[in-house]
N, C-alpha and C. Protein backbone atom coordinates (compact mmCIF):
# COMPACT_ATOMS: atom_id res chain seq x y z
N MET A 1 64.10 59.13 59.45
CA MET A 1 64.26 59.90 60.75
C MET A 1 63.25 59.32 61.73
N PRO A 2 63.63 59.07 62.95
CA PRO A 2 62.66 58.57 63.95
C PRO A 2 61.65 59.68 64.28
N LEU A 3 60.44 59.28 64.55
CA LEU A 3 59.37 60.21 64.90
C LEU A 3 59.69 61.09 66.12
N GLY A 4 60.32 60.51 67.09
CA GLY A 4 60.75 61.30 68.30
C GLY A 4 61.76 62.43 67.99
N ARG A 5 62.60 62.15 66.95
CA ARG A 5 63.54 63.23 66.59
C ARG A 5 62.83 64.39 65.94
N GLU A 6 61.84 64.07 65.15
CA GLU A 6 61.02 65.14 64.49
C GLU A 6 60.29 65.92 65.60
N ARG A 7 59.82 65.23 66.61
CA ARG A 7 59.12 65.95 67.66
C ARG A 7 60.10 66.90 68.45
N ALA A 8 61.32 66.47 68.64
CA ALA A 8 62.34 67.32 69.30
C ALA A 8 62.60 68.55 68.47
N LEU A 9 62.69 68.38 67.14
CA LEU A 9 62.89 69.54 66.26
C LEU A 9 61.70 70.48 66.37
N LEU A 10 60.50 69.93 66.37
CA LEU A 10 59.31 70.72 66.49
C LEU A 10 59.21 71.53 67.80
N ASP A 11 59.68 70.90 68.87
CA ASP A 11 59.71 71.61 70.14
C ASP A 11 60.46 72.88 70.08
N ARG A 12 61.65 72.82 69.45
CA ARG A 12 62.48 74.03 69.27
C ARG A 12 61.80 75.03 68.34
N TYR A 13 61.29 74.60 67.25
CA TYR A 13 60.58 75.49 66.29
C TYR A 13 59.39 76.15 67.00
N LEU A 14 58.60 75.38 67.77
CA LEU A 14 57.47 75.95 68.44
C LEU A 14 57.86 76.92 69.52
N ALA A 15 58.97 76.72 70.18
CA ALA A 15 59.46 77.71 71.19
C ALA A 15 59.68 79.10 70.52
N VAL A 16 60.26 79.06 69.35
CA VAL A 16 60.49 80.32 68.61
C VAL A 16 59.21 80.95 68.24
N GLU A 17 58.25 80.15 67.72
CA GLU A 17 56.95 80.64 67.30
C GLU A 17 56.15 81.23 68.45
N GLN A 18 56.26 80.61 69.63
CA GLN A 18 55.57 81.14 70.82
C GLN A 18 56.10 82.54 71.13
N LEU A 19 57.37 82.71 71.05
CA LEU A 19 57.99 84.05 71.31
C LEU A 19 57.52 85.05 70.29
N ARG A 20 57.52 84.66 68.99
CA ARG A 20 57.14 85.52 67.95
C ARG A 20 55.67 85.94 68.03
N LEU A 21 54.78 85.00 68.40
CA LEU A 21 53.34 85.29 68.46
C LEU A 21 52.89 85.86 69.78
N GLU A 22 53.80 86.02 70.72
CA GLU A 22 53.53 86.74 71.97
C GLU A 22 52.22 86.29 72.68
N GLY A 23 52.13 85.02 72.95
CA GLY A 23 50.95 84.56 73.73
C GLY A 23 49.76 84.11 72.91
N LYS A 24 49.79 84.31 71.53
CA LYS A 24 48.69 83.92 70.71
C LYS A 24 48.63 82.43 70.41
N LEU A 25 49.72 81.70 70.68
CA LEU A 25 49.86 80.29 70.35
C LEU A 25 49.85 79.43 71.59
N ARG A 26 48.79 78.57 71.73
CA ARG A 26 48.73 77.65 72.81
C ARG A 26 48.87 76.22 72.23
N ILE A 27 49.76 75.45 72.86
CA ILE A 27 50.19 74.16 72.27
C ILE A 27 49.79 73.01 73.23
N GLN A 28 49.25 71.95 72.64
CA GLN A 28 48.99 70.75 73.38
C GLN A 28 49.53 69.57 72.60
N TRP A 29 50.28 68.73 73.26
CA TRP A 29 50.75 67.51 72.63
C TRP A 29 49.92 66.32 73.17
N ASP A 30 49.50 65.43 72.29
CA ASP A 30 48.81 64.22 72.65
C ASP A 30 49.55 63.08 71.93
N TRP A 31 50.58 62.60 72.56
CA TRP A 31 51.59 61.84 71.88
C TRP A 31 51.93 60.54 72.66
N GLU A 32 51.77 59.42 72.03
CA GLU A 32 52.16 58.17 72.65
C GLU A 32 53.70 58.02 72.54
N SER A 33 54.39 58.20 73.65
CA SER A 33 55.86 58.23 73.57
C SER A 33 56.51 56.91 73.07
N GLY A 34 55.82 55.81 73.19
CA GLY A 34 56.28 54.56 72.66
C GLY A 34 56.42 54.57 71.15
N LEU A 35 55.87 55.59 70.45
CA LEU A 35 55.92 55.69 68.99
C LEU A 35 57.20 56.48 68.55
N ASP A 36 57.92 57.04 69.48
CA ASP A 36 59.06 57.85 69.07
C ASP A 36 60.07 57.14 68.19
N PRO A 37 60.30 55.80 68.35
CA PRO A 37 61.30 55.16 67.45
C PRO A 37 60.82 54.88 66.04
N LEU A 38 59.52 55.06 65.76
CA LEU A 38 58.99 54.76 64.42
C LEU A 38 59.68 55.63 63.36
N PRO A 39 60.11 55.01 62.25
CA PRO A 39 60.70 55.76 61.18
C PRO A 39 59.64 56.51 60.35
N LEU A 40 60.07 57.65 59.81
CA LEU A 40 59.23 58.37 58.86
C LEU A 40 60.12 59.28 58.04
N PRO A 41 59.64 59.69 56.88
CA PRO A 41 60.49 60.59 56.07
C PRO A 41 60.77 61.85 56.84
N PRO A 42 61.96 62.45 56.69
CA PRO A 42 62.29 63.68 57.45
C PRO A 42 61.34 64.78 57.18
N LEU A 43 60.98 65.52 58.22
CA LEU A 43 60.10 66.68 58.16
C LEU A 43 58.78 66.40 57.52
N LEU A 44 58.14 65.31 57.86
CA LEU A 44 56.83 65.03 57.43
C LEU A 44 55.79 65.77 58.28
N LEU A 45 56.03 65.90 59.54
CA LEU A 45 55.12 66.59 60.48
C LEU A 45 55.32 68.06 60.50
N GLN A 46 56.54 68.56 60.32
CA GLN A 46 56.87 69.98 60.44
C GLN A 46 56.00 70.85 59.49
N PRO A 47 55.82 70.44 58.22
CA PRO A 47 55.04 71.35 57.36
C PRO A 47 53.55 71.51 57.79
N LEU A 48 53.06 70.44 58.43
CA LEU A 48 51.69 70.54 58.95
C LEU A 48 51.60 71.58 60.09
N VAL A 49 52.54 71.53 61.01
CA VAL A 49 52.61 72.49 62.08
C VAL A 49 52.87 73.90 61.53
N GLU A 50 53.80 74.02 60.64
CA GLU A 50 54.12 75.36 60.07
C GLU A 50 52.87 75.97 59.40
N ASN A 51 52.13 75.16 58.64
CA ASN A 51 50.97 75.69 57.93
C ASN A 51 49.84 76.05 58.90
N ALA A 52 49.71 75.28 59.96
CA ALA A 52 48.68 75.57 60.99
C ALA A 52 48.94 76.94 61.62
N ILE A 53 50.20 77.19 61.84
CA ILE A 53 50.59 78.51 62.44
C ILE A 53 50.48 79.59 61.40
N LYS A 54 51.03 79.39 60.20
CA LYS A 54 51.05 80.44 59.19
C LYS A 54 49.69 80.85 58.69
N HIS A 55 48.85 79.83 58.47
CA HIS A 55 47.52 80.11 57.82
C HIS A 55 46.38 80.10 58.82
N GLY A 56 46.57 79.60 60.02
CA GLY A 56 45.52 79.48 61.02
C GLY A 56 45.66 80.44 62.17
N ILE A 57 46.71 80.21 62.92
CA ILE A 57 46.87 80.95 64.21
C ILE A 57 47.44 82.34 64.00
N SER A 58 48.44 82.49 63.19
CA SER A 58 49.07 83.77 62.99
C SER A 58 48.14 84.86 62.44
N PRO A 59 47.28 84.56 61.48
CA PRO A 59 46.39 85.63 60.97
C PRO A 59 45.21 85.94 61.86
N SER A 60 44.93 85.13 62.84
CA SER A 60 43.78 85.31 63.76
C SER A 60 44.16 86.30 64.86
N ASP A 61 43.29 87.32 65.05
CA ASP A 61 43.55 88.28 66.12
C ASP A 61 43.60 87.62 67.53
N GLN A 62 42.85 86.58 67.75
CA GLN A 62 42.81 85.85 69.00
C GLN A 62 43.90 84.78 69.12
N GLY A 63 44.56 84.51 68.01
CA GLY A 63 45.51 83.37 68.04
C GLY A 63 44.73 82.07 67.96
N GLY A 64 45.23 81.07 68.66
CA GLY A 64 44.56 79.82 68.68
C GLY A 64 45.31 78.74 69.37
N LYS A 65 44.64 77.61 69.46
CA LYS A 65 45.25 76.38 70.10
C LYS A 65 45.69 75.47 68.96
N LEU A 66 46.84 74.92 69.20
CA LEU A 66 47.50 73.95 68.28
C LEU A 66 47.59 72.65 69.05
N VAL A 67 46.97 71.57 68.50
CA VAL A 67 47.01 70.28 69.08
C VAL A 67 47.77 69.35 68.12
N ILE A 68 48.80 68.69 68.60
CA ILE A 68 49.64 67.79 67.79
C ILE A 68 49.50 66.42 68.45
N SER A 69 48.99 65.51 67.67
CA SER A 69 48.81 64.13 68.24
C SER A 69 49.38 63.05 67.35
N CYS A 70 49.74 61.96 67.98
CA CYS A 70 50.26 60.81 67.29
C CYS A 70 49.74 59.58 68.01
N ALA A 71 49.17 58.67 67.23
CA ALA A 71 48.62 57.46 67.83
C ALA A 71 48.82 56.26 66.86
N LYS A 72 48.81 55.06 67.37
CA LYS A 72 48.91 53.88 66.60
C LYS A 72 47.86 52.91 67.04
N GLU A 73 47.17 52.36 66.04
CA GLU A 73 46.21 51.28 66.27
C GLU A 73 46.50 50.17 65.31
N GLY A 74 46.92 49.05 65.82
CA GLY A 74 47.35 47.93 64.97
C GLY A 74 48.56 48.38 64.16
N ASP A 75 48.52 48.29 62.81
CA ASP A 75 49.59 48.69 61.94
C ASP A 75 49.37 50.09 61.42
N CYS A 76 48.27 50.77 61.85
CA CYS A 76 48.01 52.13 61.36
C CYS A 76 48.49 53.21 62.32
N VAL A 77 49.30 54.12 61.81
CA VAL A 77 49.80 55.26 62.56
C VAL A 77 49.13 56.52 62.03
N GLN A 78 48.74 57.39 62.92
CA GLN A 78 48.09 58.61 62.51
C GLN A 78 48.71 59.81 63.25
N LEU A 79 49.16 60.82 62.44
CA LEU A 79 49.64 62.14 62.93
C LEU A 79 48.54 63.07 62.63
N VAL A 80 48.17 63.88 63.65
CA VAL A 80 47.12 64.91 63.43
C VAL A 80 47.58 66.23 63.98
N VAL A 81 47.37 67.31 63.19
CA VAL A 81 47.71 68.65 63.60
C VAL A 81 46.40 69.43 63.44
N GLU A 82 45.87 69.92 64.56
CA GLU A 82 44.65 70.68 64.59
C GLU A 82 44.88 72.10 65.11
N ASN A 83 44.12 73.05 64.58
CA ASN A 83 44.23 74.41 65.17
C ASN A 83 42.89 75.14 65.08
N THR A 84 42.77 76.04 66.05
CA THR A 84 41.51 76.84 66.14
C THR A 84 41.70 78.29 65.67
N GLY A 85 42.68 78.53 64.85
CA GLY A 85 42.90 79.86 64.35
C GLY A 85 41.95 80.21 63.27
N ALA A 86 42.38 81.05 62.31
CA ALA A 86 41.53 81.39 61.20
C ALA A 86 41.03 80.16 60.44
N PRO A 87 39.74 80.15 60.07
CA PRO A 87 39.22 78.99 59.42
C PRO A 87 39.84 78.60 58.07
N LEU A 88 39.85 77.36 57.76
CA LEU A 88 40.35 76.85 56.47
C LEU A 88 39.57 77.40 55.35
N LYS A 89 40.18 77.94 54.35
CA LYS A 89 39.50 78.56 53.19
C LYS A 89 39.08 77.52 52.18
N ASP A 90 39.98 76.67 51.72
CA ASP A 90 39.69 75.72 50.66
C ASP A 90 40.63 74.55 50.84
N SER A 91 40.08 73.42 51.32
CA SER A 91 40.93 72.25 51.56
C SER A 91 41.38 71.53 50.32
N ARG A 92 40.82 71.93 49.15
CA ARG A 92 41.16 71.30 47.89
C ARG A 92 42.39 71.87 47.25
N VAL A 93 42.80 73.05 47.71
CA VAL A 93 43.91 73.77 47.12
C VAL A 93 45.15 73.65 48.07
N LEU A 94 46.17 72.89 47.64
CA LEU A 94 47.37 72.71 48.46
C LEU A 94 48.45 73.59 47.94
N GLY A 95 49.17 74.26 48.89
CA GLY A 95 50.29 75.06 48.51
C GLY A 95 51.50 74.13 48.28
N VAL A 96 52.65 74.78 48.12
CA VAL A 96 53.86 74.05 47.81
C VAL A 96 54.23 73.04 48.97
N GLY A 97 54.19 73.49 50.19
CA GLY A 97 54.60 72.63 51.31
C GLY A 97 53.75 71.39 51.44
N LEU A 98 52.40 71.57 51.42
CA LEU A 98 51.52 70.37 51.55
C LEU A 98 51.50 69.51 50.26
N GLY A 99 51.68 70.17 49.12
CA GLY A 99 51.79 69.42 47.88
C GLY A 99 53.02 68.52 47.91
N ASN A 100 54.13 69.03 48.40
CA ASN A 100 55.38 68.29 48.57
C ASN A 100 55.19 67.17 49.53
N LEU A 101 54.48 67.46 50.65
CA LEU A 101 54.23 66.41 51.65
C LEU A 101 53.44 65.23 51.01
N GLU A 102 52.43 65.53 50.23
CA GLU A 102 51.64 64.44 49.55
C GLU A 102 52.57 63.67 48.62
N ALA A 103 53.37 64.33 47.90
CA ALA A 103 54.32 63.69 46.96
C ALA A 103 55.28 62.74 47.68
N ARG A 104 55.83 63.25 48.78
CA ARG A 104 56.81 62.48 49.52
C ARG A 104 56.13 61.26 50.18
N LEU A 105 54.88 61.45 50.64
CA LEU A 105 54.16 60.33 51.21
C LEU A 105 53.90 59.24 50.19
N ALA A 106 53.58 59.66 48.97
CA ALA A 106 53.35 58.68 47.86
C ALA A 106 54.65 57.93 47.51
N LEU A 107 55.76 58.59 47.65
CA LEU A 107 57.05 57.93 47.28
C LEU A 107 57.61 57.02 48.41
N TRP A 108 57.05 57.12 49.58
CA TRP A 108 57.51 56.36 50.76
C TRP A 108 57.20 54.89 50.51
N SER A 109 58.16 54.10 50.08
CA SER A 109 57.95 52.80 49.54
C SER A 109 57.59 51.73 50.65
N GLU A 110 57.86 51.99 51.88
CA GLU A 110 57.61 50.97 52.93
C GLU A 110 56.15 50.97 53.39
N VAL A 111 55.37 51.99 53.03
CA VAL A 111 54.04 52.06 53.62
C VAL A 111 53.03 52.50 52.57
N SER A 112 51.77 52.42 52.97
CA SER A 112 50.64 52.99 52.20
C SER A 112 50.11 54.12 53.07
N GLY A 113 50.16 55.36 52.53
CA GLY A 113 49.74 56.49 53.39
C GLY A 113 48.83 57.45 52.69
N THR A 114 48.10 58.22 53.50
CA THR A 114 47.19 59.26 53.01
C THR A 114 47.37 60.56 53.79
N PHE A 115 46.99 61.65 53.13
CA PHE A 115 46.98 62.96 53.78
C PHE A 115 45.58 63.60 53.56
N THR A 116 45.03 64.11 54.59
CA THR A 116 43.76 64.88 54.46
C THR A 116 43.85 66.19 55.18
N LEU A 117 43.07 67.11 54.65
CA LEU A 117 42.95 68.45 55.31
C LEU A 117 41.55 68.85 55.26
N ALA A 118 40.92 69.20 56.42
CA ALA A 118 39.49 69.49 56.47
C ALA A 118 39.16 70.46 57.59
N HIS A 119 38.06 71.02 57.48
CA HIS A 119 37.47 71.88 58.59
C HIS A 119 36.45 71.09 59.33
N GLU A 120 36.65 70.96 60.65
CA GLU A 120 35.75 70.20 61.48
C GLU A 120 35.32 71.03 62.67
N GLY A 121 34.17 71.61 62.59
CA GLY A 121 33.68 72.55 63.63
C GLY A 121 34.61 73.75 63.66
N GLU A 122 35.10 74.13 64.78
CA GLU A 122 36.04 75.25 64.94
C GLU A 122 37.49 74.85 64.61
N TRP A 123 37.73 73.68 64.26
CA TRP A 123 39.07 73.19 64.05
C TRP A 123 39.43 73.02 62.54
N THR A 124 40.64 73.36 62.16
CA THR A 124 41.18 72.94 60.90
C THR A 124 42.10 71.75 61.22
N VAL A 125 41.89 70.64 60.56
CA VAL A 125 42.49 69.34 60.91
C VAL A 125 43.27 68.82 59.72
N ALA A 126 44.57 68.58 59.90
CA ALA A 126 45.49 67.93 58.93
C ALA A 126 45.84 66.59 59.51
N LYS A 127 45.71 65.56 58.67
CA LYS A 127 45.98 64.18 59.13
C LYS A 127 46.88 63.49 58.11
N VAL A 128 47.86 62.83 58.64
CA VAL A 128 48.68 61.88 57.82
C VAL A 128 48.51 60.53 58.47
N GLN A 129 48.11 59.57 57.66
CA GLN A 129 47.95 58.20 58.19
C GLN A 129 48.76 57.27 57.29
N TRP A 130 49.31 56.27 57.91
CA TRP A 130 49.95 55.23 57.10
C TRP A 130 49.88 53.90 57.78
N THR A 131 49.87 52.89 56.94
CA THR A 131 49.82 51.48 57.44
C THR A 131 51.11 50.83 57.02
N VAL A 132 51.83 50.40 58.07
CA VAL A 132 53.15 49.81 57.83
C VAL A 132 53.00 48.48 57.12
N GLY A 133 53.76 48.28 56.10
CA GLY A 133 53.81 46.99 55.39
C GLY A 133 52.61 46.80 54.45
N ALA A 134 51.84 47.83 54.15
CA ALA A 134 50.64 47.70 53.33
C ALA A 134 50.79 48.29 51.90
N LYS A 135 51.97 48.62 51.48
CA LYS A 135 52.19 49.19 50.16
C LYS A 135 51.99 48.10 49.11
N ALA A 136 51.13 48.44 48.16
CA ALA A 136 50.84 47.42 47.09
C ALA A 136 51.82 47.52 45.94
């Protein structure tokens, strides 16, 4: 699935979430549009966004900001989903959605990729990085 198609799906999903959360969700995209044609496994980004809302923004009384970014440097592509909602409790314990994401990334034969989840200041940050053509 092209990256741009996943972004379009996320736009619709986020519109519903903004209605549901009644102003608690603020969204910022930081996206290089030239990356839209890049292929990736379907719904690689969506679980990161869903988890940021479910575990970060939704449980916070103040809500939070969600920043979704995509950038490419050389052969390395990086997707980042950050939120300022409720703090990350334990980045070592992955639920079903993120565990499946890691497994799908490991099976993606065309690339070498990694997934990280961490707390950085007031932000919970989920990153998926891959290097095209670097699978050993």
